[in-house]
Amino acid sequence: MSERMLHVNERIQQVLAEVLSKEAEIPAEYFISVTKVNCAPNLRNAFVSVSIFPFAKAKEGLEYLNKHKRFIQGLFGEHINLKFTPVIEYRLDESEQTADEIYQIIDHL
């Protein structure tokens, strides 16, 4: 991946995380963090991995993000300064949940 795309991905991650935490009116029952962004080279699409806590409500949280995708996309577009505003596609990042499960197994040994 080029240096430019790494910078674009980092910037998208920062801006989207800020929008989700301050402006998107996410219900208090979810804590959503943006863990990774992979933007297409043409800047038209961005695949965003999110971690949602509590893990038991992760699927509900992902459904909430997808249901309010246009609203969040609009807020994001107001803050990002790119030639195109990438269309965001959310994906659930389960790596933290997997790590938590491994730590629980280790604790029980």
N, C-alpha and C. Protein backbone atom coordinates (compact mmCIF):
# COMPACT_ATOMS: atom_id res chain seq x y z
N MET A 1 0.85 -1.17 0.00
CA MET A 1 0.00 0.00 0.00
C MET A 1 0.90 1.24 0.00
N SER A 2 0.53 2.22 -0.78
CA SER A 2 1.35 3.42 -0.90
C SER A 2 1.26 4.28 0.36
N GLU A 3 2.24 5.13 0.51
CA GLU A 3 2.29 6.04 1.65
C GLU A 3 1.07 6.96 1.65
N ARG A 4 0.65 7.38 0.48
CA ARG A 4 -0.53 8.25 0.36
C ARG A 4 -1.78 7.55 0.88
N MET A 5 -1.97 6.29 0.49
CA MET A 5 -3.16 5.57 0.93
C MET A 5 -3.13 5.29 2.43
N LEU A 6 -1.96 5.05 2.97
CA LEU A 6 -1.85 4.89 4.43
C LEU A 6 -2.29 6.16 5.14
N HIS A 7 -1.86 7.30 4.62
CA HIS A 7 -2.24 8.59 5.20
C HIS A 7 -3.75 8.82 5.07
N VAL A 8 -4.31 8.50 3.90
CA VAL A 8 -5.76 8.67 3.68
C VAL A 8 -6.54 7.78 4.64
N ASN A 9 -6.12 6.53 4.79
CA ASN A 9 -6.81 5.61 5.71
C ASN A 9 -6.77 6.11 7.15
N GLU A 10 -5.61 6.61 7.57
CA GLU A 10 -5.49 7.15 8.93
C GLU A 10 -6.39 8.36 9.13
N ARG A 11 -6.43 9.23 8.13
CA ARG A 11 -7.27 10.43 8.24
C ARG A 11 -8.75 10.06 8.29
N ILE A 12 -9.18 9.13 7.45
CA ILE A 12 -10.57 8.68 7.47
C ILE A 12 -10.90 8.08 8.84
N GLN A 13 -9.99 7.28 9.38
CA GLN A 13 -10.21 6.67 10.69
C GLN A 13 -10.38 7.73 11.77
N GLN A 14 -9.52 8.75 11.77
CA GLN A 14 -9.60 9.81 12.76
C GLN A 14 -10.91 10.58 12.66
N VAL A 15 -11.26 10.99 11.45
CA VAL A 15 -12.46 11.81 11.25
C VAL A 15 -13.71 11.00 11.59
N LEU A 16 -13.78 9.77 11.12
CA LEU A 16 -14.97 8.96 11.38
C LEU A 16 -15.11 8.65 12.87
N ALA A 17 -14.01 8.37 13.54
CA ALA A 17 -14.06 8.13 14.98
C ALA A 17 -14.58 9.35 15.72
N GLU A 18 -14.14 10.52 15.30
CA GLU A 18 -14.61 11.76 15.93
C GLU A 18 -16.09 11.98 15.66
N VAL A 19 -16.53 11.75 14.44
CA VAL A 19 -17.95 11.91 14.09
C VAL A 19 -18.80 10.95 14.91
N LEU A 20 -18.38 9.69 15.01
CA LEU A 20 -19.16 8.71 15.75
C LEU A 20 -19.22 9.03 17.24
N SER A 21 -18.14 9.56 17.79
CA SER A 21 -18.13 9.83 19.22
C SER A 21 -18.80 11.15 19.60
N LYS A 22 -18.82 12.13 18.70
CA LYS A 22 -19.31 13.45 19.08
C LYS A 22 -20.61 13.88 18.41
N GLU A 23 -20.88 13.41 17.20
CA GLU A 23 -22.00 13.98 16.45
C GLU A 23 -23.07 12.98 16.04
N ALA A 24 -22.75 11.72 15.98
CA ALA A 24 -23.66 10.74 15.38
C ALA A 24 -24.80 10.30 16.29
N GLU A 25 -24.81 10.73 17.53
CA GLU A 25 -25.87 10.39 18.48
C GLU A 25 -26.05 8.88 18.61
N ILE A 26 -24.95 8.19 18.81
CA ILE A 26 -24.97 6.75 19.03
C ILE A 26 -25.58 6.50 20.41
N PRO A 27 -26.50 5.55 20.54
CA PRO A 27 -27.08 5.26 21.86
C PRO A 27 -26.00 4.90 22.88
N ALA A 28 -26.24 5.28 24.12
CA ALA A 28 -25.25 5.06 25.18
C ALA A 28 -24.99 3.58 25.44
N GLU A 29 -25.87 2.70 24.98
CA GLU A 29 -25.67 1.27 25.22
C GLU A 29 -24.54 0.68 24.38
N TYR A 30 -24.05 1.43 23.38
CA TYR A 30 -22.97 0.95 22.52
C TYR A 30 -21.75 1.84 22.68
N PHE A 31 -20.59 1.22 22.74
CA PHE A 31 -19.34 1.95 22.63
C PHE A 31 -18.68 1.46 21.35
N ILE A 32 -18.57 2.34 20.38
CA ILE A 32 -18.08 1.96 19.05
C ILE A 32 -16.73 2.63 18.81
N SER A 33 -15.76 1.82 18.42
CA SER A 33 -14.46 2.37 18.06
C SER A 33 -14.08 1.89 16.66
N VAL A 34 -13.46 2.78 15.92
CA VAL A 34 -13.01 2.47 14.56
C VAL A 34 -11.62 1.87 14.68
N THR A 35 -11.47 0.61 14.27
CA THR A 35 -10.20 -0.08 14.46
C THR A 35 -9.33 -0.09 13.21
N LYS A 36 -9.95 -0.05 12.04
CA LYS A 36 -9.17 -0.13 10.80
C LYS A 36 -9.99 0.43 9.65
N VAL A 37 -9.30 1.07 8.71
CA VAL A 37 -9.94 1.58 7.50
C VAL A 37 -9.12 1.12 6.30
N ASN A 38 -9.82 0.67 5.28
CA ASN A 38 -9.17 0.29 4.03
C ASN A 38 -9.94 0.97 2.90
N CYS A 39 -9.40 2.07 2.41
CA CYS A 39 -10.04 2.86 1.37
C CYS A 39 -9.57 2.39 -0.01
N ALA A 40 -10.49 2.37 -0.96
CA ALA A 40 -10.13 2.01 -2.33
C ALA A 40 -9.22 3.09 -2.91
N PRO A 41 -8.31 2.74 -3.80
CA PRO A 41 -7.39 3.72 -4.38
C PRO A 41 -8.09 4.87 -5.10
N ASN A 42 -9.30 4.64 -5.62
CA ASN A 42 -10.03 5.72 -6.29
C ASN A 42 -10.81 6.59 -5.31
N LEU A 43 -10.71 6.30 -4.02
CA LEU A 43 -11.36 7.06 -2.94
C LEU A 43 -12.88 7.00 -2.98
N ARG A 44 -13.44 6.07 -3.68
CA ARG A 44 -14.91 5.98 -3.79
C ARG A 44 -15.53 5.15 -2.68
N ASN A 45 -14.81 4.18 -2.14
CA ASN A 45 -15.33 3.28 -1.10
C ASN A 45 -14.31 3.13 0.01
N ALA A 46 -14.81 3.00 1.23
CA ALA A 46 -13.94 2.75 2.37
C ALA A 46 -14.57 1.64 3.21
N PHE A 47 -13.80 0.60 3.45
CA PHE A 47 -14.25 -0.49 4.30
C PHE A 47 -13.74 -0.21 5.70
N VAL A 48 -14.67 -0.05 6.64
CA VAL A 48 -14.33 0.38 7.99
C VAL A 48 -14.61 -0.76 8.96
N SER A 49 -13.58 -1.18 9.68
CA SER A 49 -13.74 -2.19 10.73
C SER A 49 -14.02 -1.47 12.03
N VAL A 50 -15.09 -1.91 12.71
CA VAL A 50 -15.47 -1.30 13.98
C VAL A 50 -15.52 -2.36 15.06
N SER A 51 -15.15 -1.96 16.25
CA SER A 51 -15.26 -2.81 17.43
C SER A 51 -16.38 -2.22 18.28
N ILE A 52 -17.30 -3.07 18.71
CA ILE A 52 -18.47 -2.60 19.45
C ILE A 52 -18.51 -3.30 20.80
N PHE A 53 -18.61 -2.49 21.84
CA PHE A 53 -18.71 -3.00 23.20
C PHE A 53 -20.06 -2.60 23.77
N PRO A 54 -20.77 -3.41 24.46
CA PRO A 54 -20.43 -4.77 24.88
C PRO A 54 -20.51 -5.74 23.71
N PHE A 55 -19.70 -6.78 23.79
CA PHE A 55 -19.61 -7.74 22.70
C PHE A 55 -20.95 -8.41 22.43
N ALA A 56 -21.76 -8.58 23.47
CA ALA A 56 -23.06 -9.25 23.31
C ALA A 56 -24.00 -8.45 22.41
N LYS A 57 -23.77 -7.15 22.31
CA LYS A 57 -24.63 -6.30 21.48
C LYS A 57 -23.93 -5.83 20.21
N ALA A 58 -22.85 -6.50 19.83
CA ALA A 58 -22.07 -6.07 18.67
C ALA A 58 -22.88 -6.12 17.38
N LYS A 59 -23.63 -7.18 17.19
CA LYS A 59 -24.43 -7.30 15.96
C LYS A 59 -25.51 -6.22 15.91
N GLU A 60 -26.14 -5.94 17.06
CA GLU A 60 -27.14 -4.86 17.12
C GLU A 60 -26.49 -3.51 16.80
N GLY A 61 -25.30 -3.29 17.33
CA GLY A 61 -24.59 -2.04 17.07
C GLY A 61 -24.24 -1.88 15.61
N LEU A 62 -23.83 -2.97 14.97
CA LEU A 62 -23.53 -2.93 13.54
C LEU A 62 -24.79 -2.65 12.73
N GLU A 63 -25.90 -3.25 13.14
CA GLU A 63 -27.18 -2.98 12.47
C GLU A 63 -27.56 -1.51 12.63
N TYR A 64 -27.30 -0.94 13.81
CA TYR A 64 -27.59 0.48 14.04
C TYR A 64 -26.77 1.35 13.09
N LEU A 65 -25.48 1.04 12.96
CA LEU A 65 -24.62 1.81 12.05
C LEU A 65 -25.13 1.72 10.61
N ASN A 66 -25.49 0.53 10.18
CA ASN A 66 -25.97 0.36 8.81
C ASN A 66 -27.32 1.04 8.60
N LYS A 67 -28.16 1.03 9.61
CA LYS A 67 -29.47 1.68 9.51
C LYS A 67 -29.32 3.20 9.37
N HIS A 68 -28.33 3.76 10.04
CA HIS A 68 -28.11 5.21 10.04
C HIS A 68 -26.92 5.61 9.16
N LYS A 69 -26.61 4.77 8.20
CA LYS A 69 -25.43 4.97 7.35
C LYS A 69 -25.46 6.31 6.62
N ARG A 70 -26.60 6.68 6.06
CA ARG A 70 -26.68 7.94 5.30
C ARG A 70 -26.45 9.16 6.18
N PHE A 71 -27.03 9.15 7.36
CA PHE A 71 -26.86 10.26 8.29
C PHE A 71 -25.39 10.40 8.69
N ILE A 72 -24.77 9.28 9.07
CA ILE A 72 -23.37 9.30 9.47
C ILE A 72 -22.48 9.69 8.28
N GLN A 73 -22.82 9.19 7.10
CA GLN A 73 -22.08 9.53 5.88
C GLN A 73 -22.10 11.04 5.64
N GLY A 74 -23.26 11.66 5.86
CA GLY A 74 -23.38 13.11 5.68
C GLY A 74 -22.51 13.88 6.66
N LEU A 75 -22.54 13.46 7.92
CA LEU A 75 -21.69 14.11 8.92
C LEU A 75 -20.21 13.94 8.58
N PHE A 76 -19.86 12.74 8.17
CA PHE A 76 -18.48 12.44 7.79
C PHE A 76 -18.05 13.31 6.61
N GLY A 77 -18.91 13.45 5.62
CA GLY A 77 -18.60 14.25 4.43
C GLY A 77 -18.35 15.71 4.74
N GLU A 78 -18.99 16.22 5.80
CA GLU A 78 -18.78 17.61 6.19
C GLU A 78 -17.38 17.85 6.76
N HIS A 79 -16.75 16.80 7.27
CA HIS A 79 -15.47 16.96 7.97
C HIS A 79 -14.26 16.44 7.21
N ILE A 80 -14.47 15.64 6.19
CA ILE A 80 -13.34 15.07 5.46
C ILE A 80 -13.04 15.94 4.25
N ASN A 81 -11.77 16.16 3.98
CA ASN A 81 -11.38 17.02 2.87
C ASN A 81 -10.64 16.18 1.83
N LEU A 82 -11.42 15.45 1.03
CA LEU A 82 -10.87 14.63 -0.04
C LEU A 82 -11.58 14.99 -1.33
N LYS A 83 -11.00 14.59 -2.45
CA LYS A 83 -11.63 14.85 -3.74
C LYS A 83 -13.02 14.23 -3.79
N PHE A 84 -13.15 13.02 -3.29
CA PHE A 84 -14.44 12.33 -3.19
C PHE A 84 -14.65 11.94 -1.73
N THR A 85 -15.89 11.92 -1.31
CA THR A 85 -16.20 11.37 0.01
C THR A 85 -16.47 9.89 -0.17
N PRO A 86 -15.63 9.04 0.39
CA PRO A 86 -15.83 7.60 0.20
C PRO A 86 -17.14 7.12 0.82
N VAL A 87 -17.78 6.18 0.15
CA VAL A 87 -18.96 5.53 0.71
C VAL A 87 -18.46 4.52 1.73
N ILE A 88 -19.01 4.60 2.94
CA ILE A 88 -18.52 3.78 4.04
C ILE A 88 -19.28 2.46 4.10
N GLU A 89 -18.52 1.39 4.22
CA GLU A 89 -19.08 0.04 4.41
C GLU A 89 -18.54 -0.47 5.74
N TYR A 90 -19.44 -0.69 6.71
CA TYR A 90 -19.01 -1.12 8.04
C TYR A 90 -18.85 -2.63 8.11
N ARG A 91 -17.81 -3.05 8.83
CA ARG A 91 -17.56 -4.47 9.09
C ARG A 91 -17.22 -4.62 10.56
N LEU A 92 -17.69 -5.69 11.15
CA LEU A 92 -17.45 -5.93 12.56
C LEU A 92 -16.06 -6.53 12.76
N ASP A 93 -15.26 -5.89 13.60
CA ASP A 93 -13.93 -6.38 13.95
C ASP A 93 -14.06 -7.17 15.24
N GLU A 94 -13.93 -8.46 15.15
CA GLU A 94 -14.11 -9.33 16.31
C GLU A 94 -12.80 -9.71 16.98
N SER A 95 -11.71 -9.06 16.61
CA SER A 95 -10.40 -9.43 17.16
C SER A 95 -10.32 -9.14 18.67
N GLU A 96 -10.92 -8.05 19.13
CA GLU A 96 -10.89 -7.75 20.56
C GLU A 96 -11.71 -8.76 21.34
N GLN A 97 -12.83 -9.17 20.78
CA GLN A 97 -13.66 -10.18 21.44
C GLN A 97 -12.91 -11.51 21.52
N THR A 98 -12.23 -11.87 20.44
CA THR A 98 -11.45 -13.10 20.43
C THR A 98 -10.33 -13.03 21.46
N ALA A 99 -9.65 -11.90 21.54
CA ALA A 99 -8.58 -11.73 22.52
C ALA A 99 -9.13 -11.84 23.94
N ASP A 100 -10.30 -11.25 24.18
CA ASP A 100 -10.93 -11.32 25.50
C ASP A 100 -11.25 -12.77 25.86
N GLU A 101 -11.77 -13.52 24.91
CA GLU A 101 -12.08 -14.93 25.15
C GLU A 101 -10.82 -15.73 25.47
N ILE A 102 -9.73 -15.44 24.77
CA ILE A 102 -8.46 -16.13 25.03
C ILE A 102 -7.96 -15.81 26.43
N TYR A 103 -8.04 -14.54 26.83
CA TYR A 103 -7.61 -14.16 28.18
C TYR A 103 -8.45 -14.85 29.24
N GLN A 104 -9.74 -15.00 29.00
CA GLN A 104 -10.61 -15.69 29.96
C GLN A 104 -10.21 -17.16 30.09
N ILE A 105 -9.88 -17.78 28.97
CA ILE A 105 -9.44 -19.18 29.00
C ILE A 105 -8.14 -19.31 29.78
N ILE A 106 -7.21 -18.39 29.54
CA ILE A 106 -5.92 -18.42 30.25
C ILE A 106 -6.13 -18.21 31.74
N ASP A 107 -7.03 -17.31 32.12
CA ASP A 107 -7.30 -17.04 33.53
C ASP A 107 -7.86 -18.27 34.25
N HIS A 108 -8.59 -19.11 33.52
CA HIS A 108 -9.20 -20.28 34.13
C HIS A 108 -8.25 -21.48 34.21
N LEU A 109 -7.06 -21.35 33.66
CA LEU A 109 -6.10 -22.47 33.71
C LEU A 109 -5.40 -22.55 35.04
